[in-house]
Amino acid sequence: MVRIRNTYRVFILLSFMLPGLHAVTQDVIFSQFYFNPLYLNPAFAGSRSVPRLALQYRNQWPSLGNAYKTTFASIDFPVPKLQGGMGFSIVNDMQAEGSYQSLGINAIYATFIRIDREFHMHGAIQATIGHQSLHLSKLVFPDQVDPVYGKHGISSELVYLADPRFTYIDFSSGVLFYSQKFFGGLVARHLGEPAQSFNTGQEGSGKLYRKYTVHLGARLPVFLYGHHRKKFDLSPQFIMQYQQHLGQLNYGMLAYFKGLTAGTWFRQNLGLRYDAVILMVGFARERWQISYSHDIVVSGLWGDTGGTGEISLVFLLKPITRKQIIPF
């Protein structure tokens, strides 16, 4: 019975992931978007005055087994001679108990422009080498599943999967505006909409659709008992993302108090149907910070997925020697 239940679990996950065996997957969505700045907007590359290392791990829907597990690592640093910054990142996404893998290696160049004494602008271009693969030994197709005995036989679908992997080149761009208190940006990913398909002889039948992101936020000091008694900072944040016919909104508030951070966000689609409530706590020191978030599912999947856990670590590799306006 356990084996049959696990077999159907893999089949259900694949039914979401591989309709028609075309690679029509959407991009990974992180809940801690501002603790993973290069993934949100490549224009964040070099936005600190020192090199920055960011690590992130996301485990989505653990009650369904190894449904979605994603790891991300990045490093970025300013390059004064180029009047900008550079960044490199890698994202590895494993789905359906490891039967599907998506790997992306990214290189970013950003240029910095000072508009006036208060406002700054960054513009960036990102180049990506992407690789997607299916692990056939872990795949279960409908014609392999017997309702009584479970998985058996060899699927006729394998004739179309002689080489279930492909590599592609992709490009993205981003713009970032910010001042002492306000920040925002625009991002366009997958500019060339690269072709993607696992079907032999039909490699051009699918594509990775262009994705657009708009993000806005502020960092507002809260003063009590006069202007010289600042207690904490509040940061309202808003993100809208759109890819193919799918849209998503994230909005909420983050609070900072003596190195402690805590926040709450809501995630929903553009049809105003809520998907999750995101709760986050963290702790920061001068050169490092750690944060953990948990997504509480409030859609029809509530109670079946186990939510989503995400942990982030950020390190500044050198001490900050001068005051700097930062875009969040």
Protein backbone atom coordinates (compact mmCIF):
# COMPACT_ATOMS: atom_id res chain seq x y z
CA MET A 1 0.00 0.00 0.00
CA VAL A 2 2.85 2.42 0.84
CA ARG A 3 4.55 1.75 -2.45
CA ILE A 4 1.32 2.36 -4.39
CA ARG A 5 0.69 5.59 -2.46
CA ASN A 6 4.22 6.86 -3.24
CA THR A 7 3.80 5.89 -6.88
CA TYR A 8 0.66 7.99 -7.22
CA ARG A 9 2.35 10.85 -5.35
CA VAL A 10 5.12 10.99 -7.97
CA PHE A 11 2.53 10.74 -10.75
CA ILE A 12 0.51 13.64 -9.32
CA LEU A 13 3.60 15.84 -9.05
CA LEU A 14 4.59 15.00 -12.63
CA SER A 15 1.09 15.83 -13.86
CA PHE A 16 1.65 19.42 -12.64
CA MET A 17 5.20 19.60 -13.94
CA LEU A 18 5.28 17.87 -17.32
CA PRO A 19 2.00 18.21 -19.23
CA GLY A 20 2.59 16.75 -22.68
CA LEU A 21 6.28 16.29 -21.80
CA HIS A 22 6.94 19.94 -22.68
CA ALA A 23 9.11 21.90 -20.27
CA VAL A 24 6.52 24.55 -19.48
CA THR A 25 7.72 25.04 -15.92
CA GLN A 26 7.52 28.43 -14.26
CA ASP A 27 10.38 30.11 -12.41
CA VAL A 28 11.11 29.31 -8.79
CA ILE A 29 9.46 31.77 -6.39
CA PHE A 30 11.28 32.56 -3.15
CA SER A 31 9.41 33.91 -0.13
CA GLN A 32 12.37 35.89 1.27
CA PHE A 33 12.77 37.98 -1.85
CA TYR A 34 14.84 40.84 -0.34
CA PHE A 35 17.23 38.42 1.39
CA ASN A 36 17.94 37.02 -2.06
CA PRO A 37 18.42 40.26 -4.02
CA LEU A 38 20.16 38.98 -7.16
CA TYR A 39 17.30 36.55 -7.83
CA LEU A 40 14.74 39.32 -7.42
CA ASN A 41 16.56 41.84 -9.61
CA PRO A 42 20.03 41.53 -11.19
CA ALA A 43 20.48 45.30 -10.74
CA PHE A 44 21.19 44.63 -7.05
CA ALA A 45 24.63 43.29 -8.06
CA GLY A 46 27.31 45.31 -6.30
CA SER A 47 24.77 47.42 -4.41
CA ARG A 48 26.77 47.07 -1.19
CA SER A 49 30.20 48.69 -0.98
CA VAL A 50 31.79 45.30 -0.16
CA PRO A 51 31.51 41.74 -1.54
CA ARG A 52 28.35 39.92 -0.42
CA LEU A 53 27.68 36.17 -0.24
CA ALA A 54 24.07 34.92 -0.06
CA LEU A 55 22.85 31.35 0.51
CA GLN A 56 19.25 30.17 0.47
CA TYR A 57 17.41 26.86 0.83
CA ARG A 58 13.69 26.30 0.21
CA ASN A 59 11.68 23.14 0.97
CA GLN A 60 8.18 23.43 -0.45
CA TRP A 61 5.30 21.11 0.51
CA PRO A 62 7.29 18.60 2.63
CA SER A 63 4.16 16.56 3.43
CA LEU A 64 4.16 15.42 -0.21
CA GLY A 65 7.64 13.94 0.09
CA ASN A 66 10.50 15.59 -1.79
CA ALA A 67 8.13 17.68 -3.87
CA TYR A 68 10.12 20.88 -4.46
CA LYS A 69 13.58 21.58 -3.05
CA THR A 70 15.59 24.59 -4.19
CA THR A 71 19.06 25.83 -3.31
CA PHE A 72 20.54 29.17 -4.31
CA ALA A 73 23.99 30.70 -3.88
CA SER A 74 25.31 34.04 -5.08
CA ILE A 75 28.22 36.42 -4.71
CA ASP A 76 28.32 40.03 -5.83
CA PHE A 77 30.74 42.91 -5.44
CA PRO A 78 31.28 46.48 -6.63
CA VAL A 79 33.78 47.19 -9.43
CA PRO A 80 34.79 50.87 -9.16
CA LYS A 81 36.74 50.88 -12.44
CA LEU A 82 33.57 49.85 -14.29
CA GLN A 83 31.40 52.27 -12.29
CA GLY A 84 29.20 49.35 -11.42
CA GLY A 85 29.12 45.87 -9.98
CA MET A 86 29.24 42.21 -10.93
CA GLY A 87 27.55 39.12 -9.61
CA PHE A 88 27.46 35.37 -10.09
CA SER A 89 24.79 32.95 -8.91
CA ILE A 90 23.63 29.37 -9.22
CA VAL A 91 20.13 28.00 -8.59
CA ASN A 92 19.33 24.29 -8.44
CA ASP A 93 15.68 23.19 -8.36
CA MET A 94 14.71 19.54 -7.74
CA GLN A 95 11.09 18.45 -8.19
CA ALA A 96 8.97 15.32 -7.84
CA GLU A 97 11.33 13.37 -5.58
CA GLY A 98 14.32 14.28 -7.75
CA SER A 99 12.83 13.09 -11.04
CA TYR A 100 13.18 16.56 -12.57
CA GLN A 101 16.12 18.96 -12.17
CA SER A 102 16.58 22.53 -13.35
CA LEU A 103 20.00 24.15 -12.99
CA GLY A 104 20.88 27.75 -13.83
CA ILE A 105 24.29 29.46 -13.75
CA ASN A 106 24.13 33.25 -14.00
CA ALA A 107 26.60 36.09 -14.61
CA ILE A 108 25.55 39.71 -14.05
CA TYR A 109 26.96 43.13 -14.88
CA ALA A 110 25.36 46.24 -13.36
CA THR A 111 26.13 49.90 -13.99
CA PHE A 112 25.50 52.64 -11.41
CA ILE A 113 24.10 56.09 -12.16
CA ARG A 114 23.60 58.85 -9.62
CA ILE A 115 20.58 60.89 -10.69
CA ASP A 116 20.96 63.61 -8.05
CA ARG A 117 21.99 63.97 -4.41
CA GLU A 118 19.11 61.78 -3.26
CA PHE A 119 18.25 59.28 -6.00
CA HIS A 120 20.34 56.51 -7.54
CA MET A 121 19.74 54.15 -10.46
CA HIS A 122 21.28 50.79 -11.36
CA GLY A 123 20.83 48.99 -14.67
CA ALA A 124 21.90 45.37 -15.24
CA ILE A 125 22.09 42.60 -17.79
CA GLN A 126 22.24 38.91 -16.88
CA ALA A 127 23.39 35.96 -18.98
CA THR A 128 22.30 32.45 -18.00
CA ILE A 129 23.32 28.95 -18.94
CA GLY A 130 20.37 26.70 -18.08
CA HIS A 131 20.21 22.93 -17.98
CA GLN A 132 17.11 20.79 -17.46
CA SER A 133 16.99 17.03 -17.11
CA LEU A 134 14.67 14.14 -16.33
CA HIS A 135 15.84 11.14 -14.31
CA LEU A 136 13.98 8.35 -16.09
CA SER A 137 14.49 5.76 -13.36
CA LYS A 138 12.33 7.91 -11.06
CA LEU A 139 9.54 8.65 -13.54
CA VAL A 140 6.15 6.95 -13.39
CA PHE A 141 3.79 7.17 -16.38
CA PRO A 142 0.06 6.29 -16.45
CA ASP A 143 0.55 3.17 -18.61
CA GLN A 144 2.93 1.77 -15.95
CA VAL A 145 0.46 1.94 -13.05
CA ASP A 146 -1.74 -1.05 -12.31
CA PRO A 147 -4.65 -0.17 -9.96
CA VAL A 148 -4.03 -3.35 -7.91
CA TYR A 149 -0.30 -4.09 -8.06
CA GLY A 150 1.08 -0.57 -8.55
CA LYS A 151 4.05 0.26 -10.78
CA HIS A 152 5.11 -2.34 -13.36
CA GLY A 153 6.24 -2.65 -16.98
CA ILE A 154 7.98 -0.21 -19.30
CA SER A 155 6.16 2.89 -20.50
CA SER A 156 5.62 3.48 -24.20
CA GLU A 157 6.34 7.17 -23.53
CA LEU A 158 10.06 6.42 -23.21
CA VAL A 159 10.39 6.21 -26.98
CA TYR A 160 10.09 10.02 -27.03
CA LEU A 161 12.75 10.48 -24.33
CA ALA A 162 15.91 9.13 -25.91
CA ASP A 163 17.90 12.09 -24.46
CA PRO A 164 15.83 13.64 -21.65
CA ARG A 165 18.00 16.72 -21.08
CA PHE A 166 18.84 19.95 -22.80
CA THR A 167 20.93 23.11 -22.29
CA TYR A 168 20.00 26.62 -23.32
CA ILE A 169 21.23 30.23 -23.20
CA ASP A 170 19.05 32.92 -21.64
CA PHE A 171 19.21 36.68 -20.98
CA SER A 172 17.51 38.99 -18.49
CA SER A 173 17.68 42.67 -17.57
CA GLY A 174 16.73 44.83 -14.61
CA VAL A 175 16.55 48.45 -13.46
CA LEU A 176 16.68 49.62 -9.83
CA PHE A 177 15.84 53.05 -8.38
CA TYR A 178 16.40 54.02 -4.76
CA SER A 179 16.95 56.77 -2.24
CA GLN A 180 17.52 56.83 1.50
CA LYS A 181 13.94 55.73 2.22
CA PHE A 182 12.38 54.38 -1.00
CA PHE A 183 13.34 51.70 -3.51
CA GLY A 184 11.81 50.00 -6.52
CA GLY A 185 12.67 48.17 -9.69
CA LEU A 186 11.60 46.59 -12.98
CA VAL A 187 12.85 43.22 -14.27
CA ALA A 188 12.36 41.36 -17.55
CA ARG A 189 13.57 37.74 -17.56
CA HIS A 190 13.89 35.24 -20.43
CA LEU A 191 14.11 38.01 -23.03
CA GLY A 192 14.56 35.57 -25.91
CA GLU A 193 12.02 33.03 -24.59
CA PRO A 194 14.36 30.06 -25.24
CA ALA A 195 12.85 26.92 -26.75
CA GLN A 196 12.37 23.98 -24.40
CA SER A 197 10.99 20.48 -24.84
CA PHE A 198 11.94 16.94 -23.84
CA ASN A 199 10.23 15.45 -26.91
CA THR A 200 12.75 14.08 -29.41
CA GLY A 201 12.28 15.87 -32.72
CA GLN A 202 10.07 18.58 -31.18
CA GLU A 203 12.68 20.64 -29.35
CA GLY A 204 11.15 23.91 -30.60
CA SER A 205 7.59 23.13 -29.55
CA GLY A 206 7.88 24.64 -26.05
CA LYS A 207 9.45 27.79 -24.68
CA LEU A 208 10.35 29.48 -21.42
CA TYR A 209 7.98 32.43 -21.36
CA ARG A 210 9.12 35.96 -20.60
CA LYS A 211 8.63 36.99 -16.97
CA TYR A 212 8.07 40.53 -15.70
CA THR A 213 8.59 41.76 -12.13
CA VAL A 214 7.75 45.08 -10.47
CA HIS A 215 8.90 45.62 -6.89
CA LEU A 216 8.44 48.61 -4.58
CA GLY A 217 9.29 49.29 -0.97
CA ALA A 218 10.35 51.74 1.68
CA ARG A 219 12.34 51.83 4.89
CA LEU A 220 10.69 54.21 7.32
CA PRO A 221 12.17 55.06 10.74
CA VAL A 222 9.74 55.19 13.65
CA PHE A 223 10.58 57.77 16.34
CA LEU A 224 9.19 57.86 19.85
CA TYR A 225 9.64 60.63 22.44
CA GLY A 226 11.26 63.06 20.04
CA HIS A 227 13.41 62.86 16.93
CA HIS A 228 16.47 61.60 18.80
CA ARG A 229 14.81 58.42 20.12
CA LYS A 230 14.42 56.19 17.10
CA LYS A 231 12.96 52.83 18.17
CA PHE A 232 12.68 50.74 15.03
CA ASP A 233 12.27 50.73 11.25
CA LEU A 234 9.25 49.59 9.24
CA SER A 235 9.59 48.42 5.63
CA PRO A 236 6.37 48.03 3.60
CA GLN A 237 7.05 45.95 0.48
CA PHE A 238 5.15 45.05 -2.70
CA ILE A 239 6.07 42.68 -5.55
CA MET A 240 4.06 41.81 -8.66
CA GLN A 241 5.22 39.06 -11.05
CA TYR A 242 3.70 37.94 -14.34
CA GLN A 243 4.76 35.01 -16.55
CA GLN A 244 2.76 33.65 -19.49
CA HIS A 245 -0.84 33.85 -18.19
CA LEU A 246 0.07 33.52 -14.49
CA GLY A 247 0.33 36.49 -12.14
CA GLN A 248 1.26 36.80 -8.48
CA LEU A 249 1.22 39.51 -5.82
CA ASN A 250 3.30 39.63 -2.63
CA TYR A 251 2.77 42.43 -0.14
CA GLY A 252 3.46 42.93 3.53
CA MET A 253 5.62 44.55 6.16
CA LEU A 254 9.06 43.93 7.67
CA ALA A 255 10.18 45.44 10.99
CA TYR A 256 13.77 45.98 12.24
CA PHE A 257 14.62 46.43 15.92
CA LYS A 258 18.21 46.27 17.25
CA GLY A 259 19.25 43.49 14.88
CA LEU A 260 16.00 41.55 15.13
CA THR A 261 13.76 41.35 12.08
CA ALA A 262 10.22 40.05 11.72
CA GLY A 263 7.69 40.30 8.93
CA THR A 264 4.42 39.11 7.47
CA TRP A 265 3.41 38.95 3.81
CA PHE A 266 0.43 37.77 1.83
CA ARG A 267 0.74 35.95 -1.49
CA GLN A 268 -2.13 35.78 -3.99
CA ASN A 269 -2.85 35.62 -7.70
CA LEU A 270 -4.13 38.51 -9.78
CA GLY A 271 -7.66 37.18 -9.38
CA LEU A 272 -7.45 38.05 -5.67
CA ARG A 273 -7.37 34.40 -4.58
CA TYR A 274 -5.03 33.97 -1.61
CA ASP A 275 -2.35 31.28 -1.70
CA ALA A 276 -0.32 31.73 1.50
CA VAL A 277 0.59 33.83 4.50
CA ILE A 278 4.36 34.19 4.92
CA LEU A 279 5.86 34.62 8.40
CA MET A 280 9.54 35.53 8.77
CA VAL A 281 11.95 36.09 11.67
CA GLY A 282 15.65 36.87 11.55
CA PHE A 283 18.70 38.25 13.29
CA ALA A 284 21.40 40.52 11.85
CA ARG A 285 24.80 41.77 12.89
CA GLU A 286 27.17 44.13 11.14
CA ARG A 287 28.53 41.58 8.66
CA TRP A 288 26.03 38.72 8.63
CA GLN A 289 22.36 37.91 8.96
CA ILE A 290 20.17 34.81 9.16
CA SER A 291 16.44 34.53 8.57
CA TYR A 292 13.79 31.83 8.48
CA SER A 293 10.34 31.98 6.92
CA HIS A 294 7.36 29.65 6.82
CA ASP A 295 4.53 29.77 4.29
CA ILE A 296 1.14 28.87 5.73
CA VAL A 297 -1.04 27.65 2.87
CA VAL A 298 -4.53 29.16 2.90
CA SER A 299 -5.73 27.90 -0.51
CA GLY A 300 -7.47 24.60 -1.27
CA LEU A 301 -4.19 22.76 -0.54
CA TRP A 302 -4.36 23.75 3.13
CA GLY A 303 -3.60 20.85 5.47
CA ASP A 304 -2.10 18.62 2.75
CA THR A 305 1.25 20.22 1.94
CA GLY A 306 2.95 21.01 5.26
CA GLY A 307 3.57 24.58 4.11
CA THR A 308 6.99 25.76 2.97
CA GLY A 309 10.17 26.41 4.94
CA GLU A 310 12.93 28.71 3.76
CA ILE A 311 16.22 29.74 5.37
CA SER A 312 18.65 32.44 4.22
CA LEU A 313 22.20 33.39 5.19
CA VAL A 314 23.93 36.58 4.04
CA PHE A 315 27.59 37.47 4.71
CA LEU A 316 29.54 40.65 3.97
CA LEU A 317 33.07 39.49 3.19
CA LYS A 318 34.72 42.77 4.23
CA PRO A 319 33.88 45.34 6.90
CA ILE A 320 31.99 48.43 5.75
CA THR A 321 34.31 51.44 6.03
CA ARG A 322 31.97 54.25 4.92
CA LYS A 323 28.34 55.21 5.18
CA GLN A 324 26.27 54.24 2.17
CA ILE A 325 22.71 54.53 0.95
CA ILE A 326 21.50 50.99 0.27
CA PRO A 327 18.39 50.09 -1.77
CA PHE A 328 16.54 48.22 1.03
